[in-house]
PDB file of N, CA and C in Angstrom:
ATOM      1  N   MET A   1       0.847  -1.170   0.000  1.00  0.00           N
ATOM      2  CA  MET A   1       0.000   0.000   0.000  1.00  0.00           C
ATOM      3  C   MET A   1       0.896   1.237   0.000  1.00  0.00           C
ATOM      4  N   ARG A   2       0.610   2.137  -0.888  1.00  0.00           N
ATOM      5  CA  ARG A   2       1.392   3.369  -0.986  1.00  0.00           C
ATOM      6  C   ARG A   2       0.552   4.545  -0.508  1.00  0.00           C
ATOM      7  N   THR A   3       1.240   5.476   0.122  1.00  0.00           N
ATOM      8  CA  THR A   3       0.556   6.697   0.507  1.00  0.00           C
ATOM      9  C   THR A   3       0.995   7.801  -0.426  1.00  0.00           C
ATOM     10  N   LYS A   4       0.191   8.764  -0.557  1.00  0.00           N
ATOM     11  CA  LYS A   4       0.464   9.855  -1.483  1.00  0.00           C
ATOM     12  C   LYS A   4       1.741  10.596  -1.064  1.00  0.00           C
ATOM     13  N   GLY A   5       2.710  10.654  -1.959  1.00  0.00           N
ATOM     14  CA  GLY A   5       3.934  11.389  -1.713  1.00  0.00           C
ATOM     15  C   GLY A   5       4.999  10.626  -0.948  1.00  0.00           C
ATOM     16  N   LYS A   6       4.702   9.445  -0.413  1.00  0.00           N
ATOM     17  CA  LYS A   6       5.686   8.673   0.343  1.00  0.00           C
ATOM     18  C   LYS A   6       5.796   7.281  -0.257  1.00  0.00           C
ATOM     19  N   GLN A   7       7.007   6.766  -0.280  1.00  0.00           N
ATOM     20  CA  GLN A   7       7.203   5.404  -0.753  1.00  0.00           C
ATOM     21  C   GLN A   7       7.601   4.540   0.430  1.00  0.00           C
ATOM     22  N   ALA A   8       7.130   3.320   0.427  1.00  0.00           N
ATOM     23  CA  ALA A   8       7.500   2.387   1.480  1.00  0.00           C
ATOM     24  C   ALA A   8       8.966   2.019   1.315  1.00  0.00           C
ATOM     25  N   SER A   9       9.744   2.064   2.402  1.00  0.00           N
ATOM     26  CA  SER A   9      11.155   1.702   2.305  1.00  0.00           C
ATOM     27  C   SER A   9      11.316   0.214   2.583  1.00  0.00           C
ATOM     28  N   VAL A  10      12.272  -0.374   1.892  1.00  0.00           N
ATOM     29  CA  VAL A  10      12.565  -1.790   2.055  1.00  0.00           C
ATOM     30  C   VAL A  10      13.901  -1.886   2.777  1.00  0.00           C
ATOM     31  N   LEU A  11      13.951  -2.713   3.826  1.00  0.00           N
ATOM     32  CA  LEU A  11      15.190  -2.874   4.576  1.00  0.00           C
ATOM     33  C   LEU A  11      16.133  -3.807   3.834  1.00  0.00           C
ATOM     34  N   ASN A  12      17.358  -3.380   3.726  1.00  0.00           N
ATOM     35  CA  ASN A  12      18.385  -4.185   3.071  1.00  0.00           C
ATOM     36  C   ASN A  12      19.197  -4.890   4.150  1.00  0.00           C
ATOM     37  N   PRO A  13      19.146  -6.222   4.219  1.00  0.00           N
ATOM     38  CA  PRO A  13      19.862  -6.945   5.272  1.00  0.00           C
ATOM     39  C   PRO A  13      21.371  -6.754   5.215  1.00  0.00           C
ATOM     40  N   LYS A  14      21.939  -6.376   4.069  1.00  0.00           N
ATOM     41  CA  LYS A  14      23.390  -6.184   3.961  1.00  0.00           C
ATOM     42  C   LYS A  14      23.851  -4.921   4.683  1.00  0.00           C
ATOM     43  N   GLU A  15      22.913  -4.027   5.007  1.00  0.00           N
ATOM     44  CA  GLU A  15      23.259  -2.780   5.683  1.00  0.00           C
ATOM     45  C   GLU A  15      23.384  -2.961   7.202  1.00  0.00           C
ATOM     46  N   PHE A  16      23.002  -4.107   7.732  1.00  0.00           N
ATOM     47  CA  PHE A  16      23.031  -4.329   9.170  1.00  0.00           C
ATOM     48  C   PHE A  16      24.252  -5.133   9.568  1.00  0.00           C
ATOM     49  N   LYS A  17      24.819  -4.780  10.698  1.00  0.00           N
ATOM     50  CA  LYS A  17      25.979  -5.496  11.226  1.00  0.00           C
ATOM     51  C   LYS A  17      25.532  -6.868  11.723  1.00  0.00           C
ATOM     52  N   ARG A  18      26.270  -7.866  11.371  1.00  0.00           N
ATOM     53  CA  ARG A  18      25.955  -9.232  11.808  1.00  0.00           C
ATOM     54  C   ARG A  18      26.580  -9.479  13.171  1.00  0.00           C
ATOM     55  N   LEU A  19      25.776  -9.982  14.086  1.00  0.00           N
ATOM     56  CA  LEU A  19      26.267 -10.302  15.423  1.00  0.00           C
ATOM     57  C   LEU A  19      26.816 -11.721  15.447  1.00  0.00           C
ATOM     58  N   PRO A  20      27.859 -11.947  16.222  1.00  0.00           N
ATOM     59  CA  PRO A  20      28.371 -13.313  16.327  1.00  0.00           C
ATOM     60  C   PRO A  20      27.329 -14.223  16.966  1.00  0.00           C
ATOM     61  N   ARG A  21      27.378 -15.509  16.635  1.00  0.00           N
ATOM     62  CA  ARG A  21      26.436 -16.477  17.178  1.00  0.00           C
ATOM     63  C   ARG A  21      26.481 -16.458  18.693  1.00  0.00           C
ATOM     64  N   GLY A  22      25.316 -16.377  19.308  1.00  0.00           N
ATOM     65  CA  GLY A  22      25.213 -16.401  20.767  1.00  0.00           C
ATOM     66  C   GLY A  22      25.419 -15.045  21.423  1.00  0.00           C
ATOM     67  N   ALA A  23      25.626 -13.986  20.668  1.00  0.00           N
ATOM     68  CA  ALA A  23      25.880 -12.662  21.250  1.00  0.00           C
ATOM     69  C   ALA A  23      24.681 -12.154  22.045  1.00  0.00           C
ATOM     70  N   PHE A  24      23.508 -12.623  21.723  1.00  0.00           N
ATOM     71  CA  PHE A  24      22.294 -12.155  22.395  1.00  0.00           C
ATOM     72  C   PHE A  24      21.987 -12.953  23.660  1.00  0.00           C
ATOM     73  N   LEU A  25      22.736 -14.012  23.911  1.00  0.00           N
ATOM     74  CA  LEU A  25      22.486 -14.852  25.082  1.00  0.00           C
ATOM     75  C   LEU A  25      22.987 -14.182  26.353  1.00  0.00           C
ATOM     76  N   ALA A  26      22.408 -14.555  27.469  1.00  0.00           N
ATOM     77  CA  ALA A  26      22.801 -14.000  28.762  1.00  0.00           C
ATOM     78  C   ALA A  26      24.223 -14.421  29.094  1.00  0.00           C
ATOM     79  N   LYS A  27      24.921 -13.538  29.744  1.00  0.00           N
ATOM     80  CA  LYS A  27      26.293 -13.810  30.168  1.00  0.00           C
ATOM     81  C   LYS A  27      26.259 -14.623  31.464  1.00  0.00           C
ATOM     82  N   ALA A  28      27.381 -15.209  31.828  1.00  0.00           N
ATOM     83  CA  ALA A  28      27.466 -16.019  33.040  1.00  0.00           C
ATOM     84  C   ALA A  28      27.057 -15.194  34.252  1.00  0.00           C
ATOM     85  N   GLY A  29      26.238 -15.741  35.101  1.00  0.00           N
ATOM     86  CA  GLY A  29      25.793 -15.068  36.316  1.00  0.00           C
ATOM     87  C   GLY A  29      24.553 -14.217  36.129  1.00  0.00           C
ATOM     88  N   GLU A  30      24.181 -13.917  34.904  1.00  0.00           N
ATOM     89  CA  GLU A  30      23.005 -13.086  34.666  1.00  0.00           C
ATOM     90  C   GLU A  30      21.707 -13.875  34.794  1.00  0.00           C
ATOM     91  N   THR A  31      21.784 -15.187  34.834  1.00  0.00           N
ATOM     92  CA  THR A  31      20.577 -16.000  34.919  1.00  0.00           C
ATOM     93  C   THR A  31      20.323 -16.541  36.321  1.00  0.00           C
ATOM     94  N   GLU A  32      21.104 -16.088  37.296  1.00  0.00           N
ATOM     95  CA  GLU A  32      20.858 -16.509  38.671  1.00  0.00           C
ATOM     96  C   GLU A  32      19.514 -15.942  39.117  1.00  0.00           C
ATOM     97  N   ALA A  33      18.846 -16.648  40.005  1.00  0.00           N
ATOM     98  CA  ALA A  33      17.533 -16.200  40.484  1.00  0.00           C
ATOM     99  C   ALA A  33      17.606 -14.795  41.073  1.00  0.00           C
ATOM    100  N   ARG A  34      18.701 -14.482  41.740  1.00  0.00           N
ATOM    101  CA  ARG A  34      18.875 -13.161  42.353  1.00  0.00           C
ATOM    102  C   ARG A  34      18.880 -12.045  41.302  1.00  0.00           C
ATOM    103  N   ASN A  35      19.327 -12.351  40.089  1.00  0.00           N
ATOM    104  CA  ASN A  35      19.444 -11.344  39.031  1.00  0.00           C
ATOM    105  C   ASN A  35      18.311 -11.406  38.019  1.00  0.00           C
ATOM    106  N   THR A  36      17.339 -12.265  38.232  1.00  0.00           N
ATOM    107  CA  THR A  36      16.243 -12.426  37.293  1.00  0.00           C
ATOM    108  C   THR A  36      14.994 -11.771  37.863  1.00  0.00           C
ATOM    109  N   LYS A  37      14.482 -10.787  37.166  1.00  0.00           N
ATOM    110  CA  LYS A  37      13.275 -10.100  37.615  1.00  0.00           C
ATOM    111  C   LYS A  37      12.063 -10.726  36.925  1.00  0.00           C
ATOM    112  N   VAL A  38      10.973 -10.872  37.666  1.00  0.00           N
ATOM    113  CA  VAL A  38       9.746 -11.477  37.160  1.00  0.00           C
ATOM    114  C   VAL A  38       8.601 -10.500  37.397  1.00  0.00           C
ATOM    115  N   ARG A  39       7.818 -10.264  36.370  1.00  0.00           N
ATOM    116  CA  ARG A  39       6.663  -9.365  36.503  1.00  0.00           C
ATOM    117  C   ARG A  39       5.523 -10.150  37.145  1.00  0.00           C
ATOM    118  N   ILE A  40       4.962  -9.571  38.228  1.00  0.00           N
ATOM    119  CA  ILE A  40       3.830 -10.194  38.902  1.00  0.00           C
ATOM    120  C   ILE A  40       2.758  -9.142  39.129  1.00  0.00           C
ATOM    121  N   SER A  41       1.609  -9.597  39.518  1.00  0.00           N
ATOM    122  CA  SER A  41       0.538  -8.698  39.930  1.00  0.00           C
ATOM    123  C   SER A  41       0.244  -9.037  41.381  1.00  0.00           C
ATOM    124  N   ILE A  42       0.259  -8.030  42.235  1.00  0.00           N
ATOM    125  CA  ILE A  42       0.090  -8.268  43.662  1.00  0.00           C
ATOM    126  C   ILE A  42      -0.804  -7.171  44.245  1.00  0.00           C
ATOM    127  N   LEU A  43      -1.625  -7.536  45.179  1.00  0.00           N
ATOM    128  CA  LEU A  43      -2.467  -6.562  45.876  1.00  0.00           C
ATOM    129  C   LEU A  43      -1.826  -6.274  47.226  1.00  0.00           C
ATOM    130  N   ILE A  44      -1.526  -4.988  47.475  1.00  0.00           N
ATOM    131  CA  ILE A  44      -0.993  -4.589  48.771  1.00  0.00           C
ATOM    132  C   ILE A  44      -1.828  -3.423  49.289  1.00  0.00           C
ATOM    133  N   ASP A  45      -1.739  -3.189  50.572  1.00  0.00           N
ATOM    134  CA  ASP A  45      -2.490  -2.104  51.186  1.00  0.00           C
ATOM    135  C   ASP A  45      -2.028  -0.767  50.618  1.00  0.00           C
ATOM    136  N   LEU A  46      -2.978   0.132  50.431  1.00  0.00           N
ATOM    137  CA  LEU A  46      -2.678   1.440  49.853  1.00  0.00           C
ATOM    138  C   LEU A  46      -1.669   2.207  50.700  1.00  0.00           C
ATOM    139  N   ASP A  47      -1.799   2.116  52.029  1.00  0.00           N
ATOM    140  CA  ASP A  47      -0.863   2.852  52.875  1.00  0.00           C
ATOM    141  C   ASP A  47       0.560   2.312  52.744  1.00  0.00           C
ATOM    142  N   VAL A  48       0.703   1.007  52.501  1.00  0.00           N
ATOM    143  CA  VAL A  48       2.019   0.419  52.281  1.00  0.00           C
ATOM    144  C   VAL A  48       2.613   0.962  50.984  1.00  0.00           C
ATOM    145  N   LEU A  49       1.819   0.960  49.924  1.00  0.00           N
ATOM    146  CA  LEU A  49       2.273   1.488  48.646  1.00  0.00           C
ATOM    147  C   LEU A  49       2.648   2.959  48.763  1.00  0.00           C
ATOM    148  N   ASN A  50       1.805   3.741  49.428  1.00  0.00           N
ATOM    149  CA  ASN A  50       2.099   5.161  49.600  1.00  0.00           C
ATOM    150  C   ASN A  50       3.379   5.385  50.394  1.00  0.00           C
ATOM    151  N   PHE A  51       3.619   4.554  51.394  1.00  0.00           N
ATOM    152  CA  PHE A  51       4.841   4.652  52.192  1.00  0.00           C
ATOM    153  C   PHE A  51       6.074   4.515  51.300  1.00  0.00           C
ATOM    154  N   PHE A  52       6.092   3.470  50.455  1.00  0.00           N
ATOM    155  CA  PHE A  52       7.256   3.243  49.599  1.00  0.00           C
ATOM    156  C   PHE A  52       7.364   4.300  48.502  1.00  0.00           C
ATOM    157  N   LYS A  53       6.236   4.745  47.960  1.00  0.00           N
ATOM    158  CA  LYS A  53       6.275   5.788  46.938  1.00  0.00           C
ATOM    159  C   LYS A  53       6.771   7.109  47.526  1.00  0.00           C
ATOM    160  N   GLU A  54       6.393   7.391  48.762  1.00  0.00           N
ATOM    161  CA  GLU A  54       6.871   8.605  49.436  1.00  0.00           C
ATOM    162  C   GLU A  54       8.390   8.552  49.605  1.00  0.00           C
ATOM    163  N   ARG A  55       8.895   7.413  50.056  1.00  0.00           N
ATOM    164  CA  ARG A  55      10.342   7.266  50.212  1.00  0.00           C
ATOM    165  C   ARG A  55      11.051   7.361  48.871  1.00  0.00           C
ATOM    166  N   ALA A  56      10.434   6.822  47.821  1.00  0.00           N
ATOM    167  CA  ALA A  56      11.044   6.839  46.492  1.00  0.00           C
ATOM    168  C   ALA A  56      11.068   8.243  45.896  1.00  0.00           C
ATOM    169  N   SER A  57      10.193   9.124  46.358  1.00  0.00           N
ATOM    170  CA  SER A  57      10.121  10.472  45.799  1.00  0.00           C
ATOM    171  C   SER A  57      11.270  11.361  46.268  1.00  0.00           C
ATOM    172  N   LYS A  58      12.007  10.918  47.283  1.00  0.00           N
ATOM    173  CA  LYS A  58      13.126  11.707  47.787  1.00  0.00           C
ATOM    174  C   LYS A  58      14.319  11.583  46.839  1.00  0.00           C
ATOM    175  N   ALA A  59      15.101  12.638  46.757  1.00  0.00           N
ATOM    176  CA  ALA A  59      16.247  12.677  45.848  1.00  0.00           C
ATOM    177  C   ALA A  59      17.224  11.541  46.148  1.00  0.00           C
ATOM    178  N   GLY A  60      17.616  10.840  45.107  1.00  0.00           N
ATOM    179  CA  GLY A  60      18.604   9.777  45.241  1.00  0.00           C
ATOM    180  C   GLY A  60      18.067   8.460  45.757  1.00  0.00           C
ATOM    181  N   ALA A  61      16.779   8.389  46.048  1.00  0.00           N
ATOM    182  CA  ALA A  61      16.187   7.154  46.584  1.00  0.00           C
ATOM    183  C   ALA A  61      15.903   6.180  45.451  1.00  0.00           C
ATOM    184  N   PRO A  62      16.044   4.876  45.722  1.00  0.00           N
ATOM    185  CA  PRO A  62      15.692   3.884  44.691  1.00  0.00           C
ATOM    186  C   PRO A  62      14.184   3.890  44.423  1.00  0.00           C
ATOM    187  N   ALA A  63      13.790   3.356  43.287  1.00  0.00           N
ATOM    188  CA  ALA A  63      12.372   3.250  42.929  1.00  0.00           C
ATOM    189  C   ALA A  63      11.639   2.436  43.998  1.00  0.00           C
ATOM    190  N   TYR A  64      10.340   2.689  44.120  1.00  0.00           N
ATOM    191  CA  TYR A  64       9.587   2.020  45.190  1.00  0.00           C
ATOM    192  C   TYR A  64       9.574   0.508  45.016  1.00  0.00           C
ATOM    193  N   GLN A  65       9.551   0.016  43.772  1.00  0.00           N
ATOM    194  CA  GLN A  65       9.569  -1.430  43.562  1.00  0.00           C
ATOM    195  C   GLN A  65      10.891  -2.020  44.073  1.00  0.00           C
ATOM    196  N   THR A  66      11.983  -1.308  43.843  1.00  0.00           N
ATOM    197  CA  THR A  66      13.298  -1.755  44.308  1.00  0.00           C
ATOM    198  C   THR A  66      13.334  -1.782  45.831  1.00  0.00           C
ATOM    199  N   GLN A  67      12.762  -0.766  46.467  1.00  0.00           N
ATOM    200  CA  GLN A  67      12.733  -0.736  47.926  1.00  0.00           C
ATOM    201  C   GLN A  67      11.927  -1.902  48.486  1.00  0.00           C
ATOM    202  N   ILE A  68      10.778  -2.174  47.884  1.00  0.00           N
ATOM    203  CA  ILE A  68       9.956  -3.311  48.330  1.00  0.00           C
ATOM    204  C   ILE A  68      10.742  -4.605  48.169  1.00  0.00           C
ATOM    205  N   ASN A  69      11.446  -4.748  47.048  1.00  0.00           N
ATOM    206  CA  ASN A  69      12.252  -5.947  46.810  1.00  0.00           C
ATOM    207  C   ASN A  69      13.347  -6.087  47.867  1.00  0.00           C
ATOM    208  N   HIS A  70      13.994  -4.970  48.246  1.00  0.00           N
ATOM    209  CA  HIS A  70      15.037  -5.020  49.276  1.00  0.00           C
ATOM    210  C   HIS A  70      14.471  -5.469  50.621  1.00  0.00           C
ATOM    211  N   VAL A  71      13.296  -4.955  50.976  1.00  0.00           N
ATOM    212  CA  VAL A  71      12.675  -5.342  52.248  1.00  0.00           C
ATOM    213  C   VAL A  71      12.311  -6.827  52.232  1.00  0.00           C
ATOM    214  N   LEU A  72      11.749  -7.289  51.117  1.00  0.00           N
ATOM    215  CA  LEU A  72      11.392  -8.710  51.012  1.00  0.00           C
ATOM    216  C   LEU A  72      12.632  -9.597  51.061  1.00  0.00           C
ATOM    217  N   ARG A  73      13.713  -9.180  50.384  1.00  0.00           N
ATOM    218  CA  ARG A  73      14.953  -9.962  50.408  1.00  0.00           C
ATOM    219  C   ARG A  73      15.528 -10.012  51.818  1.00  0.00           C
ATOM    220  N   ALA A  74      15.531  -8.884  52.529  1.00  0.00           N
ATOM    221  CA  ALA A  74      16.041  -8.858  53.898  1.00  0.00           C
ATOM    222  C   ALA A  74      15.246  -9.797  54.792  1.00  0.00           C
ATOM    223  N   GLN A  75      13.931  -9.821  54.622  1.00  0.00           N
ATOM    224  CA  GLN A  75      13.077 -10.725  55.394  1.00  0.00           C
ATOM    225  C   GLN A  75      13.405 -12.167  55.043  1.00  0.00           C
ATOM    226  N   MET A  76      13.523 -12.452  53.741  1.00  0.00           N
ATOM    227  CA  MET A  76      13.795 -13.808  53.283  1.00  0.00           C
ATOM    228  C   MET A  76      15.149 -14.315  53.808  1.00  0.00           C
ATOM    229  N   GLU A  77      16.136 -13.429  53.837  1.00  0.00           N
ATOM    230  CA  GLU A  77      17.476 -13.827  54.260  1.00  0.00           C
ATOM    231  C   GLU A  77      17.678 -13.677  55.760  1.00  0.00           C
ATOM    232  N   GLY A  78      16.621 -13.313  56.476  1.00  0.00           N
ATOM    233  CA  GLY A  78      16.703 -13.215  57.934  1.00  0.00           C
ATOM    234  C   GLY A  78      17.443 -11.990  58.415  1.00  0.00           C
ATOM    235  N   LYS A  79      17.539 -10.961  57.575  1.00  0.00           N
ATOM    236  CA  LYS A  79      18.256  -9.752  57.954  1.00  0.00           C
ATOM    237  C   LYS A  79      17.308  -8.600  58.228  1.00  0.00           C
ATOM    238  N   ALA A  80      16.045  -8.897  58.403  1.00  0.00           N
ATOM    239  CA  ALA A  80      15.061  -7.833  58.604  1.00  0.00           C
ATOM    240  C   ALA A  80      15.383  -7.065  59.879  1.00  0.00           C
ATOM    241  N   ALA A  81      15.397  -5.771  59.765  1.00  0.00           N
ATOM    242  CA  ALA A  81      15.688  -4.922  60.916  1.00  0.00           C
ATOM    243  C   ALA A  81      14.476  -4.876  61.835  1.00  0.00           C
ATOM    244  N   SER A  82      14.721  -4.966  63.121  1.00  0.00           N
ATOM    245  CA  SER A  82      13.644  -4.858  64.100  1.00  0.00           C
ATOM    246  C   SER A  82      13.886  -3.599  64.910  1.00  0.00           C
ATOM    247  N   ASP A  83      13.379  -2.493  64.436  1.00  0.00           N
ATOM    248  CA  ASP A  83      13.541  -1.258  65.186  1.00  0.00           C
ATOM    249  C   ASP A  83      12.417  -1.128  66.199  1.00  0.00           C
ATOM    250  N   ALA A  84      12.543  -0.186  67.095  1.00  0.00           N
ATOM    251  CA  ALA A  84      11.586  -0.024  68.187  1.00  0.00           C
ATOM    252  C   ALA A  84      10.185   0.290  67.676  1.00  0.00           C
ATOM    253  N   THR A  85      10.089   1.098  66.634  1.00  0.00           N
ATOM    254  CA  THR A  85       8.769   1.454  66.096  1.00  0.00           C
ATOM    255  C   THR A  85       8.053   0.224  65.565  1.00  0.00           C
ATOM    256  N   THR A  86       8.776  -0.608  64.840  1.00  0.00           N
ATOM    257  CA  THR A  86       8.186  -1.828  64.291  1.00  0.00           C
ATOM    258  C   THR A  86       7.728  -2.753  65.413  1.00  0.00           C
ATOM    259  N   LEU A  87       8.575  -2.928  66.409  1.00  0.00           N
ATOM    260  CA  LEU A  87       8.220  -3.804  67.531  1.00  0.00           C
ATOM    261  C   LEU A  87       7.049  -3.246  68.324  1.00  0.00           C
ATOM    262  N   ALA A  88       6.983  -1.947  68.500  1.00  0.00           N
ATOM    263  CA  ALA A  88       5.891  -1.328  69.266  1.00  0.00           C
ATOM    264  C   ALA A  88       4.545  -1.515  68.582  1.00  0.00           C
ATOM    265  N   GLN A  89       4.544  -1.746  67.282  1.00  0.00           N
ATOM    266  CA  GLN A  89       3.301  -1.937  66.538  1.00  0.00           C
ATOM    267  C   GLN A  89       2.986  -3.414  66.298  1.00  0.00           C
ATOM    268  N   ASP A  90       3.843  -4.304  66.758  1.00  0.00           N
ATOM    269  CA  ASP A  90       3.656  -5.735  66.541  1.00  0.00           C
ATOM    270  C   ASP A  90       2.895  -6.333  67.730  1.00  0.00           C
ATOM    271  N   ASP A  91       1.638  -6.719  67.494  1.00  0.00           N
ATOM    272  CA  ASP A  91       0.795  -7.251  68.576  1.00  0.00           C
ATOM    273  C   ASP A  91       1.376  -8.512  69.204  1.00  0.00           C
ATOM    274  N   ARG A  92       1.964  -9.387  68.397  1.00  0.00           N
ATOM    275  CA  ARG A  92       2.553 -10.618  68.958  1.00  0.00           C
ATOM    276  C   ARG A  92       3.700 -10.287  69.906  1.00  0.00           C
ATOM    277  N   PHE A  93       4.517  -9.316  69.522  1.00  0.00           N
ATOM    278  CA  PHE A  93       5.628  -8.898  70.381  1.00  0.00           C
ATOM    279  C   PHE A  93       5.113  -8.318  71.695  1.00  0.00           C
ATOM    280  N   ILE A  94       4.100  -7.457  71.611  1.00  0.00           N
ATOM    281  CA  ILE A  94       3.534  -6.832  72.808  1.00  0.00           C
ATOM    282  C   ILE A  94       2.963  -7.889  73.746  1.00  0.00           C
ATOM    283  N   ARG A  95       2.240  -8.877  73.196  1.00  0.00           N
ATOM    284  CA  ARG A  95       1.680  -9.952  74.030  1.00  0.00           C
ATOM    285  C   ARG A  95       2.792 -10.773  74.683  1.00  0.00           C
ATOM    286  N   ALA A  96       3.865 -11.035  73.942  1.00  0.00           N
ATOM    287  CA  ALA A  96       4.983 -11.802  74.495  1.00  0.00           C
ATOM    288  C   ALA A  96       5.648 -11.033  75.635  1.00  0.00           C
ATOM    289  N   VAL A  97       5.828  -9.731  75.470  1.00  0.00           N
ATOM    290  CA  VAL A  97       6.421  -8.912  76.530  1.00  0.00           C
ATOM    291  C   VAL A  97       5.500  -8.885  77.744  1.00  0.00           C
ATOM    292  N   ALA A  98       4.197  -8.756  77.519  1.00  0.00           N
ATOM    293  CA  ALA A  98       3.237  -8.729  78.631  1.00  0.00           C
ATOM    294  C   ALA A  98       3.283 -10.041  79.412  1.00  0.00           C
ATOM    295  N   ARG A  99       3.348 -11.182  78.690  1.00  0.00           N
ATOM    296  CA  ARG A  99       3.447 -12.484  79.378  1.00  0.00           C
ATOM    297  C   ARG A  99       4.728 -12.571  80.202  1.00  0.00           C
ATOM    298  N   ARG A 100       5.825 -12.090  79.636  1.00  0.00           N
ATOM    299  CA  ARG A 100       7.119 -12.156  80.339  1.00  0.00           C
ATOM    300  C   ARG A 100       7.098 -11.275  81.586  1.00  0.00           C
ATOM    301  N   ILE A 101       6.501 -10.097  81.484  1.00  0.00           N
ATOM    302  CA  ILE A 101       6.399  -9.196  82.643  1.00  0.00           C
ATOM    303  C   ILE A 101       5.553  -9.836  83.730  1.00  0.00           C
ATOM    304  N   LYS A 102       4.464 -10.465  83.321  1.00  0.00           N
ATOM    305  CA  LYS A 102       3.592 -11.133  84.295  1.00  0.00           C
ATOM    306  C   LYS A 102       4.342 -12.265  84.996  1.00  0.00           C
ATOM    307  N   GLU A 103       5.120 -13.052  84.220  1.00  0.00           N
ATOM    308  CA  GLU A 103       5.917 -14.129  84.804  1.00  0.00           C
ATOM    309  C   GLU A 103       6.924 -13.591  85.822  1.00  0.00           C
ATOM    310  N   LEU A 104       7.605 -12.528  85.449  1.00  0.00           N
ATOM    311  CA  LEU A 104       8.618 -11.968  86.326  1.00  0.00           C
ATOM    312  C   LEU A 104       8.029 -11.318  87.577  1.00  0.00           C
ATOM    313  N   SER A 105       6.844 -10.732  87.431  1.00  0.00           N
ATOM    314  CA  SER A 105       6.238 -10.049  88.585  1.00  0.00           C
ATOM    315  C   SER A 105       5.618 -11.026  89.569  1.00  0.00           C
ATOM    316  N   THR A 106       5.316 -12.257  89.157  1.00  0.00           N
ATOM    317  CA  THR A 106       4.717 -13.235  90.072  1.00  0.00           C
ATOM    318  C   THR A 106       5.758 -14.115  90.752  1.00  0.00           C
ATOM    319  N   LYS A 107       7.019 -14.032  90.334  1.00  0.00           N
ATOM    320  CA  LYS A 107       8.079 -14.822  90.970  1.00  0.00           C
ATOM    321  C   LYS A 107       8.489 -14.159  92.278  1.00  0.00           C
ATOM    322  N   PRO A 108       8.863 -14.985  93.268  1.00  0.00           N
ATOM    323  CA  PRO A 108       9.377 -14.410  94.499  1.00  0.00           C
ATOM    324  C   PRO A 108      10.680 -13.646  94.220  1.00  0.00           C
ATOM    325  N   PRO A 109      11.004 -12.615  94.992  1.00  0.00           N
ATOM    326  CA  PRO A 109      12.186 -11.790  94.740  1.00  0.00           C
ATOM    327  C   PRO A 109      13.495 -12.568  94.813  1.00  0.00           C
ATOM    328  N   ASN A 110      13.589 -13.644  95.574  1.00  0.00           N
ATOM    329  CA  ASN A 110      14.841 -14.392  95.721  1.00  0.00           C
ATOM    330  C   ASN A 110      14.957 -15.529  94.728  1.00  0.00           C
ATOM    331  N   ALA A 111      14.047 -15.719  93.850  1.00  0.00           N
ATOM    332  CA  ALA A 111      14.079 -16.867  92.948  1.00  0.00           C
ATOM    333  C   ALA A 111      14.980 -16.663  91.780  1.00  0.00           C
TER     334      ALA A 111
END
């Protein structure tokens, strides 16, 4: 199909540089699970998303998806930080502390 005033161009394969066989394949180490990103669809709480987007909006901060990935990796590898704010909002932690305080307060002073 031709348009008025324009001709369709035909690509000449001789004008393109030929790549060596396998040049498009992944290099060693690029296929490790740690380096392979997978697109998923996930539902998260809006306040969680807003938290990461707010942090990502600061100068020099990584993208919010990268930050979420770092937090998930830290949790997976057992390196999750337990700061006081996080612990103060964790109901299981609060109940455990309350049980421990009750245990300690019911023991005799010399025990």
